Amino acid sequence: MNELPAIVTQAPYAAFLLEPSGRITDCNAAAAALFGMAPADLCGRQFVTLLDPFSIAKAQTMLAQTINDGGVQHWELVHQRGGAAPLLLGYTTWPIRDADGAITGIMALGLDLGPTVALTAQLAETNQRLESALKQLERAHADLKAAQTQLVQSEKMRSLGQLVAGVAHEINTPLGYVANNLAFLAERLPALRTAPTDELGWRDVADAIHESQIGIERIAAIVRALRAFARPDEAQLVPADVNEGLASTVRMVRAVSGPRIVIREEYGDVPPLLCRPGELNQVFLNLLLNAVHACRGAGMVTVQTASDDISITVTISDTGIGMDAATIARLGEPFFTTWPDGGGTGLGLAISREIVARHGGQLHFQSEPGRGTTVKVVLPLQRGDS
């Protein structure tokens, strides 16, 4: 057989018919086109003369393996093409036998791997760009988380700033008890030393000491509430008493709410919640300050907690001015605020929504103009993330 089978003559890939020695006896138009030659110019040449020097030994092994083992698949050889760029072909071969089974030739079909190599290079380059972009995204995400943490802390400090005047007044009152009682004790002490049987005098001293103790405890409670609110949270979730955190926050808000706003507390029996307590206290503070603000100087704010087997629900309701549906729809938008100009940053509820969402919970608002507002914070008891 000295000619290619008709089935490969018009094939789009290179086809060579070789003698067992490697001499080309026929090739198709696709093979000739790859080398810029006519088929007749290729016939009679040794196949290895078309190869890069580093591929010659490999081609000889390919021919020998075809004769001995019945063929090869995906055997890559590099061809030289004069002034043109080298050509990489992937060969599949099989032996041609005569009627007696003797090998009379070798069929070699070569697939141009140039497009595949180019595509592989493009994919590698694209992959490298994607890896670089991923690293940039990871850095941006880390920077964003750091900025978010700073924003949360800044909003927390802003909220504390709103409480400073009220807390200072709240501390100053029991501090006045202590100062007055110490002055009283200093005045009475000389007389008590000379009249140890003065029962009335000793009773007054006991009352002064008791009153001072109450004042000191009030100051300590306010300081504990401030510390509980301002402390940074741990990276991991910790079990915490929601009622305790809420009560501490109410104690601070009551200091700035004014005498005509009543804050009623109704705490249910709730289990410890796996959370970041400082973050939740910030949510409670934002909602309580909004409720007090909505009362416009007079009204009632009710704080309630309840629990079932699934979640803890914190409800904060007020008798304030209420909101329409359009306002409710915008709650939580960054920089949207219902406070008068300069009264709020518009970040309190946005941050609160984010904190509650990070705890796997939800915020629900119900309100009507002139009928107050009710906010429910629903926090799941069981969480799979941290």
Protein backbone atom coordinates (compact mmCIF):
# COMPACT_ATOMS: atom_id res chain seq x y z
CA MET A 1 0.00 0.00 0.00
CA ASN A 2 1.72 3.17 -1.21
CA GLU A 3 -1.20 5.58 -1.06
CA LEU A 4 -3.29 7.02 1.76
CA PRO A 5 -6.76 5.57 2.27
CA ALA A 6 -9.43 7.81 0.78
CA ILE A 7 -10.92 8.40 4.23
CA VAL A 8 -7.91 10.46 5.35
CA THR A 9 -7.00 12.15 2.07
CA GLN A 10 -9.42 15.02 2.70
CA ALA A 11 -9.04 14.94 6.49
CA PRO A 12 -8.34 18.34 8.20
CA TYR A 13 -5.39 16.90 10.14
CA ALA A 14 -1.95 15.82 8.87
CA ALA A 15 -1.73 12.24 7.57
CA PHE A 16 1.51 10.48 6.58
CA LEU A 17 1.97 7.05 5.10
CA LEU A 18 5.46 5.80 5.98
CA GLU A 19 7.59 2.83 5.12
CA PRO A 20 8.75 0.81 8.15
CA SER A 21 12.10 2.59 7.69
CA GLY A 22 10.40 5.96 8.15
CA ARG A 23 10.44 7.18 4.56
CA ILE A 24 7.34 9.13 3.50
CA THR A 25 5.44 7.45 0.66
CA ASP A 26 2.31 9.61 0.71
CA CYS A 27 0.70 12.49 2.64
CA ASN A 28 -2.49 14.47 2.43
CA ALA A 29 -3.01 18.14 1.58
CA ALA A 30 -3.37 19.11 5.26
CA ALA A 31 0.11 17.74 6.03
CA ALA A 32 1.66 19.49 3.02
CA ALA A 33 -0.01 22.79 3.96
CA LEU A 34 1.51 22.71 7.44
CA PHE A 35 4.99 22.71 5.92
CA GLY A 36 4.20 25.04 3.01
CA MET A 37 5.11 22.36 0.49
CA ALA A 38 3.40 20.25 -2.17
CA PRO A 39 2.64 16.62 -1.24
CA ALA A 40 5.01 15.44 -3.98
CA ASP A 41 7.87 17.40 -2.39
CA LEU A 42 7.36 15.60 0.93
CA CYS A 43 7.17 12.12 -0.53
CA GLY A 44 10.47 10.27 -0.57
CA ARG A 45 11.91 12.16 2.40
CA GLN A 46 12.69 10.58 5.70
CA PHE A 47 10.04 11.56 8.24
CA VAL A 48 12.69 12.51 10.80
CA THR A 49 14.09 15.21 8.50
CA LEU A 50 10.96 17.24 9.21
CA LEU A 51 11.64 17.19 12.94
CA ASP A 52 13.40 19.35 15.47
CA PRO A 53 16.71 17.67 16.45
CA PHE A 54 15.40 17.01 19.94
CA SER A 55 12.41 15.08 18.53
CA ILE A 56 14.33 12.76 16.18
CA ALA A 57 15.12 10.06 18.76
CA LYS A 58 11.56 10.22 20.03
CA ALA A 59 10.22 9.74 16.47
CA GLN A 60 12.44 6.73 15.93
CA THR A 61 11.11 5.24 19.16
CA MET A 62 7.59 5.97 17.97
CA LEU A 63 8.12 4.07 14.72
CA ALA A 64 9.74 1.13 16.49
CA GLN A 65 6.95 0.97 19.07
CA THR A 66 4.34 1.07 16.29
CA ILE A 67 5.94 -1.96 14.63
CA ASN A 68 6.52 -3.87 17.86
CA ASP A 69 3.44 -2.93 19.90
CA GLY A 70 0.82 -2.07 17.30
CA GLY A 71 0.84 1.71 17.50
CA VAL A 72 1.02 4.78 19.80
CA GLN A 73 -1.38 7.53 20.84
CA HIS A 74 -0.83 11.21 21.58
CA TRP A 75 2.89 11.08 20.78
CA GLU A 76 4.07 14.72 20.68
CA LEU A 77 6.74 15.73 18.17
CA VAL A 78 8.11 19.16 17.26
CA HIS A 79 8.54 19.89 13.53
CA GLN A 80 10.85 22.42 11.95
CA ARG A 81 9.42 24.62 9.18
CA GLY A 82 12.29 26.69 7.83
CA GLY A 83 11.72 30.31 8.73
CA ALA A 84 8.30 29.63 10.27
CA ALA A 85 7.67 28.89 13.91
CA PRO A 86 8.15 25.29 15.10
CA LEU A 87 5.06 23.13 14.92
CA LEU A 88 3.90 20.76 17.66
CA LEU A 89 1.85 17.78 16.48
CA GLY A 90 0.34 14.98 18.52
CA TYR A 91 0.61 11.67 16.63
CA THR A 92 -1.47 8.52 16.67
CA THR A 93 0.03 5.64 14.64
CA TRP A 94 -0.77 2.09 13.60
CA PRO A 95 0.88 -0.47 11.28
CA ILE A 96 -0.32 -1.28 7.74
CA ARG A 97 -0.26 -5.02 6.96
CA ASP A 98 -0.54 -7.01 3.74
CA ALA A 99 -2.74 -10.02 3.17
CA ASP A 100 -0.23 -12.25 4.92
CA GLY A 101 -0.06 -10.02 8.00
CA ALA A 102 3.37 -8.63 7.29
CA ILE A 103 3.90 -4.94 8.11
CA THR A 104 4.34 -2.97 4.93
CA GLY A 105 3.90 0.55 6.25
CA ILE A 106 2.93 2.87 9.08
CA MET A 107 0.00 5.29 9.17
CA ALA A 108 0.69 8.44 11.21
CA LEU A 109 -2.07 10.98 11.92
CA GLY A 110 -0.90 14.25 13.45
CA LEU A 111 -3.13 16.74 15.25
CA ASP A 112 -1.87 20.32 15.35
CA LEU A 113 -1.46 21.08 19.09
CA GLY A 114 -0.61 24.75 18.54
CA PRO A 115 -4.16 25.98 19.28
CA THR A 116 -4.31 23.69 22.34
CA VAL A 117 -0.97 24.95 23.61
CA ALA A 118 -2.04 28.55 23.01
CA LEU A 119 -5.31 27.92 24.80
CA THR A 120 -3.46 26.27 27.68
CA ALA A 121 -1.16 29.29 27.90
CA GLN A 122 -4.16 31.61 27.85
CA LEU A 123 -5.84 29.56 30.55
CA ALA A 124 -2.66 29.65 32.64
CA GLU A 125 -2.43 33.42 32.19
CA THR A 126 -6.11 33.83 32.99
CA ASN A 127 -5.73 31.63 36.05
CA GLN A 128 -2.78 33.72 37.19
CA ARG A 129 -4.83 36.90 36.75
CA LEU A 130 -7.72 35.34 38.65
CA GLU A 131 -5.42 34.30 41.49
CA SER A 132 -4.05 37.84 41.62
CA ALA A 133 -7.57 39.26 41.60
CA LEU A 134 -8.57 36.82 44.36
CA LYS A 135 -5.67 37.97 46.51
CA GLN A 136 -6.70 41.58 45.92
CA LEU A 137 -10.28 40.71 46.88
CA GLU A 138 -9.06 38.96 50.01
CA ARG A 139 -7.03 42.03 50.96
CA ALA A 140 -9.99 44.29 50.18
CA HIS A 141 -12.26 42.04 52.26
CA ALA A 142 -9.82 42.20 55.18
CA ASP A 143 -9.64 46.00 54.85
CA LEU A 144 -13.44 46.18 54.66
CA LYS A 145 -13.83 44.07 57.80
CA ALA A 146 -11.33 46.29 59.60
CA ALA A 147 -13.21 49.40 58.44
CA GLN A 148 -16.51 47.83 59.48
CA THR A 149 -15.14 47.05 62.94
CA GLN A 150 -13.89 50.62 63.24
CA LEU A 151 -17.25 51.96 62.08
CA VAL A 152 -19.11 49.84 64.64
CA GLN A 153 -16.79 51.03 67.39
CA SER A 154 -17.13 54.65 66.25
CA GLU A 155 -20.91 54.39 66.31
CA LYS A 156 -20.70 52.83 69.76
CA MET A 157 -18.60 55.74 71.00
CA ARG A 158 -21.02 58.20 69.41
CA SER A 159 -23.88 56.54 71.27
CA LEU A 160 -21.90 56.74 74.48
CA GLY A 161 -21.31 60.42 73.78
CA GLN A 162 -25.07 60.95 73.70
CA LEU A 163 -25.27 59.44 77.18
CA VAL A 164 -22.45 61.41 78.78
CA ALA A 165 -24.52 64.31 80.12
CA GLY A 166 -27.24 62.06 81.53
CA VAL A 167 -24.80 59.59 83.03
CA ALA A 168 -22.79 62.42 84.58
CA HIS A 169 -25.99 63.69 86.21
CA GLU A 170 -26.91 60.16 87.29
CA ILE A 171 -23.54 59.73 88.97
CA ASN A 172 -23.53 63.24 90.45
CA THR A 173 -26.74 62.65 92.45
CA PRO A 174 -25.53 59.69 94.56
CA LEU A 175 -22.12 61.32 94.72
CA GLY A 176 -23.85 64.27 96.40
CA TYR A 177 -25.31 61.85 98.98
CA VAL A 178 -21.87 60.57 99.81
CA ALA A 179 -20.28 64.02 99.97
CA ASN A 180 -23.02 65.45 102.20
CA ASN A 181 -22.96 62.43 104.48
CA LEU A 182 -19.18 62.58 104.81
CA ALA A 183 -19.48 66.26 105.74
CA PHE A 184 -22.17 65.36 108.28
CA LEU A 185 -19.98 62.62 109.77
CA ALA A 186 -17.01 64.96 109.96
CA GLU A 187 -19.17 67.50 111.81
CA ARG A 188 -20.70 65.00 114.23
CA LEU A 189 -17.63 62.90 114.91
CA PRO A 190 -16.13 65.17 117.64
CA ALA A 191 -19.45 65.28 119.52
CA LEU A 192 -19.87 61.52 119.23
CA ARG A 193 -16.42 60.98 120.71
CA THR A 194 -17.41 62.90 123.87
CA ALA A 195 -20.93 61.53 124.04
CA PRO A 196 -20.78 57.81 123.20
CA THR A 197 -24.23 57.18 124.68
CA ASP A 198 -25.96 59.60 122.31
CA GLU A 199 -28.29 57.09 120.69
CA LEU A 200 -29.89 59.67 118.39
CA GLY A 201 -26.51 60.75 117.14
CA TRP A 202 -25.40 57.20 116.41
CA ARG A 203 -28.69 56.52 114.65
CA ASP A 204 -28.05 59.50 112.39
CA VAL A 205 -24.56 58.19 111.68
CA ALA A 206 -25.95 54.75 110.77
CA ASP A 207 -28.48 56.35 108.44
CA ALA A 208 -25.76 58.44 106.78
CA ILE A 209 -23.56 55.41 106.26
CA HIS A 210 -26.46 53.39 104.81
CA GLU A 211 -27.40 56.21 102.48
CA SER A 212 -23.78 56.53 101.34
CA GLN A 213 -23.60 52.81 100.67
CA ILE A 214 -26.69 53.06 98.47
CA GLY A 215 -25.16 55.98 96.59
CA ILE A 216 -21.88 54.15 96.08
CA GLU A 217 -23.75 51.10 94.76
CA ARG A 218 -25.67 53.27 92.30
CA ILE A 219 -22.42 54.73 91.02
CA ALA A 220 -20.87 51.25 90.77
CA ALA A 221 -23.91 49.97 88.85
CA ILE A 222 -23.64 52.81 86.35
CA VAL A 223 -19.91 52.20 85.91
CA ARG A 224 -20.53 48.47 85.39
CA ALA A 225 -23.15 49.26 82.77
CA LEU A 226 -20.76 51.59 80.95
CA ARG A 227 -17.97 49.02 81.05
CA ALA A 228 -20.28 46.27 79.79
CA PHE A 229 -21.34 48.43 76.89
CA ALA A 230 -17.96 49.89 75.93
CA ARG A 231 -15.82 46.76 76.22
CA PRO A 232 -14.62 45.20 72.93
CA ASP A 233 -16.12 41.83 72.12
CA GLU A 234 -14.21 38.59 71.90
CA ALA A 235 -13.54 37.19 68.45
CA GLN A 236 -15.54 34.08 69.31
CA LEU A 237 -19.13 33.84 70.51
CA VAL A 238 -19.62 33.47 74.26
CA PRO A 239 -22.65 32.54 76.38
CA ALA A 240 -24.30 35.68 77.78
CA ASP A 241 -27.37 36.72 79.77
CA VAL A 242 -29.51 38.85 77.44
CA ASN A 243 -31.59 40.16 80.34
CA GLU A 244 -28.49 41.36 82.16
CA GLY A 245 -27.13 43.17 79.11
CA LEU A 246 -30.50 44.72 78.38
CA ALA A 247 -30.96 45.87 82.00
CA SER A 248 -27.51 47.50 81.99
CA THR A 249 -28.37 49.33 78.77
CA VAL A 250 -31.74 50.46 80.14
CA ARG A 251 -29.96 51.83 83.20
CA MET A 252 -27.84 54.09 80.99
CA VAL A 253 -30.73 55.19 78.77
CA ARG A 254 -32.91 56.01 81.77
CA ALA A 255 -30.28 58.58 82.76
CA VAL A 256 -30.95 60.60 79.59
CA SER A 257 -34.64 59.89 79.06
CA GLY A 258 -35.96 62.65 81.30
CA PRO A 259 -38.47 62.48 84.15
CA ARG A 260 -41.56 62.29 81.92
CA ILE A 261 -40.51 59.16 80.06
CA VAL A 262 -41.14 55.90 81.91
CA ILE A 263 -39.12 52.83 80.94
CA ARG A 264 -40.89 49.66 82.02
CA GLU A 265 -38.93 46.42 82.18
CA GLU A 266 -40.56 43.01 81.85
CA TYR A 267 -37.92 40.33 81.63
CA GLY A 268 -38.90 36.75 80.96
CA ASP A 269 -37.02 33.58 81.82
CA VAL A 270 -34.52 33.26 78.96
CA PRO A 271 -31.56 30.88 78.61
CA PRO A 272 -27.98 32.05 77.96
CA LEU A 273 -27.41 33.09 74.36
CA LEU A 274 -24.25 32.30 72.40
CA CYS A 275 -23.37 35.76 71.10
CA ARG A 276 -21.11 38.77 71.20
CA PRO A 277 -22.74 40.60 74.12
CA GLY A 278 -21.14 43.99 73.49
CA GLU A 279 -22.53 44.06 69.95
CA LEU A 280 -26.04 43.15 71.12
CA ASN A 281 -25.89 45.82 73.82
CA GLN A 282 -25.13 48.32 71.08
CA VAL A 283 -28.25 47.16 69.20
CA PHE A 284 -30.34 47.54 72.36
CA LEU A 285 -28.92 51.01 73.00
CA ASN A 286 -29.71 52.19 69.46
CA LEU A 287 -33.29 50.90 69.67
CA LEU A 288 -33.86 52.33 73.16
CA LEU A 289 -32.51 55.76 72.20
CA ASN A 290 -34.76 55.76 69.13
CA ALA A 291 -37.76 54.83 71.30
CA VAL A 292 -37.01 57.61 73.81
CA HIS A 293 -36.51 60.08 70.98
CA ALA A 294 -39.85 59.08 69.41
CA CYS A 295 -41.66 59.91 72.67
CA ARG A 296 -40.71 63.58 72.25
CA GLY A 297 -40.15 64.22 75.97
CA ALA A 298 -43.10 62.30 77.43
CA GLY A 299 -44.39 58.74 77.11
CA MET A 300 -43.64 55.12 77.93
CA VAL A 301 -41.04 52.67 76.62
CA THR A 302 -41.61 49.01 77.40
CA VAL A 303 -38.79 46.46 77.27
CA GLN A 304 -39.69 42.77 77.23
CA THR A 305 -37.87 39.49 76.73
CA ALA A 306 -39.29 36.05 76.04
CA SER A 307 -38.00 32.71 74.81
CA ASP A 308 -39.14 29.48 73.26
CA ASP A 309 -37.14 26.42 72.23
CA ILE A 310 -35.92 28.13 69.08
CA SER A 311 -35.10 31.75 69.84
CA ILE A 312 -35.03 34.68 72.26
CA THR A 313 -37.21 37.67 71.37
CA VAL A 314 -36.44 41.15 72.69
CA THR A 315 -39.35 43.56 72.22
CA ILE A 316 -38.97 47.33 72.61
CA SER A 317 -42.14 49.34 72.16
CA ASP A 318 -42.89 53.03 72.68
CA THR A 319 -45.89 55.34 72.76
CA GLY A 320 -44.18 57.85 70.51
CA ILE A 321 -45.07 59.52 67.23
CA GLY A 322 -44.82 56.36 65.11
CA MET A 323 -43.82 56.00 61.45
CA ASP A 324 -45.55 55.58 58.12
CA ALA A 325 -44.93 52.67 55.74
CA ALA A 326 -42.53 54.67 53.56
CA THR A 327 -40.31 55.45 56.54
CA ILE A 328 -40.36 51.84 57.76
CA ALA A 329 -39.28 50.67 54.30
CA ARG A 330 -36.14 52.81 54.54
CA LEU A 331 -35.13 51.82 58.06
CA GLY A 332 -31.62 50.41 58.05
CA GLU A 333 -30.50 52.31 54.95
CA PRO A 334 -27.08 53.81 55.63
CA PHE A 335 -27.30 57.53 56.48
CA PHE A 336 -31.12 57.53 56.58
CA THR A 337 -32.29 58.97 59.89
CA THR A 338 -35.60 60.06 61.42
CA TRP A 339 -33.81 62.33 63.88
CA PRO A 340 -33.69 66.10 63.28
CA ASP A 341 -30.69 67.52 61.42
CA GLY A 342 -27.54 66.81 63.38
CA GLY A 343 -29.30 64.46 65.77
CA GLY A 344 -28.20 61.18 64.19
CA THR A 345 -25.74 59.75 61.70
CA GLY A 346 -28.16 57.37 60.02
CA LEU A 347 -25.84 54.48 60.83
CA GLY A 348 -27.36 53.20 64.07
CA LEU A 349 -30.03 50.96 62.54
CA ALA A 350 -27.83 49.98 59.60
CA ILE A 351 -25.19 48.72 62.03
CA SER A 352 -27.86 47.13 64.23
CA ARG A 353 -29.26 45.18 61.27
CA GLU A 354 -25.76 43.96 60.40
CA ILE A 355 -25.05 42.90 63.99
CA VAL A 356 -28.35 41.04 64.30
CA ALA A 357 -27.80 39.37 60.92
CA ARG A 358 -24.31 38.23 62.02
CA HIS A 359 -26.02 36.56 64.98
CA GLY A 360 -28.41 34.79 62.61
CA GLY A 361 -31.34 36.90 63.83
CA GLN A 362 -33.89 39.33 62.43
CA LEU A 363 -35.23 42.81 63.16
CA HIS A 364 -38.97 43.43 62.76
CA PHE A 365 -40.64 46.87 62.89
CA GLN A 366 -44.32 47.60 63.38
CA SER A 367 -45.56 51.18 63.52
CA GLU A 368 -48.29 53.61 62.56
CA PRO A 369 -48.22 57.40 62.70
CA GLY A 370 -49.44 58.57 66.11
CA ARG A 371 -49.60 55.01 67.54
CA GLY A 372 -46.03 54.33 68.54
CA THR A 373 -43.55 51.73 67.34
CA THR A 374 -42.74 48.14 68.29
CA VAL A 375 -39.40 46.58 67.42
CA LYS A 376 -38.72 42.87 67.82
CA VAL A 377 -35.19 41.45 67.85
CA VAL A 378 -35.36 37.70 67.23
CA LEU A 379 -32.15 35.84 68.06
CA PRO A 380 -31.80 32.08 67.40
CA LEU A 381 -30.60 29.93 70.31
CA GLN A 382 -28.83 27.33 68.17
CA ARG A 383 -26.24 28.48 65.64
CA GLY A 384 -23.85 26.53 63.45
CA ASP A 385 -21.45 29.37 62.59
CA SER A 386 -19.34 31.78 64.54
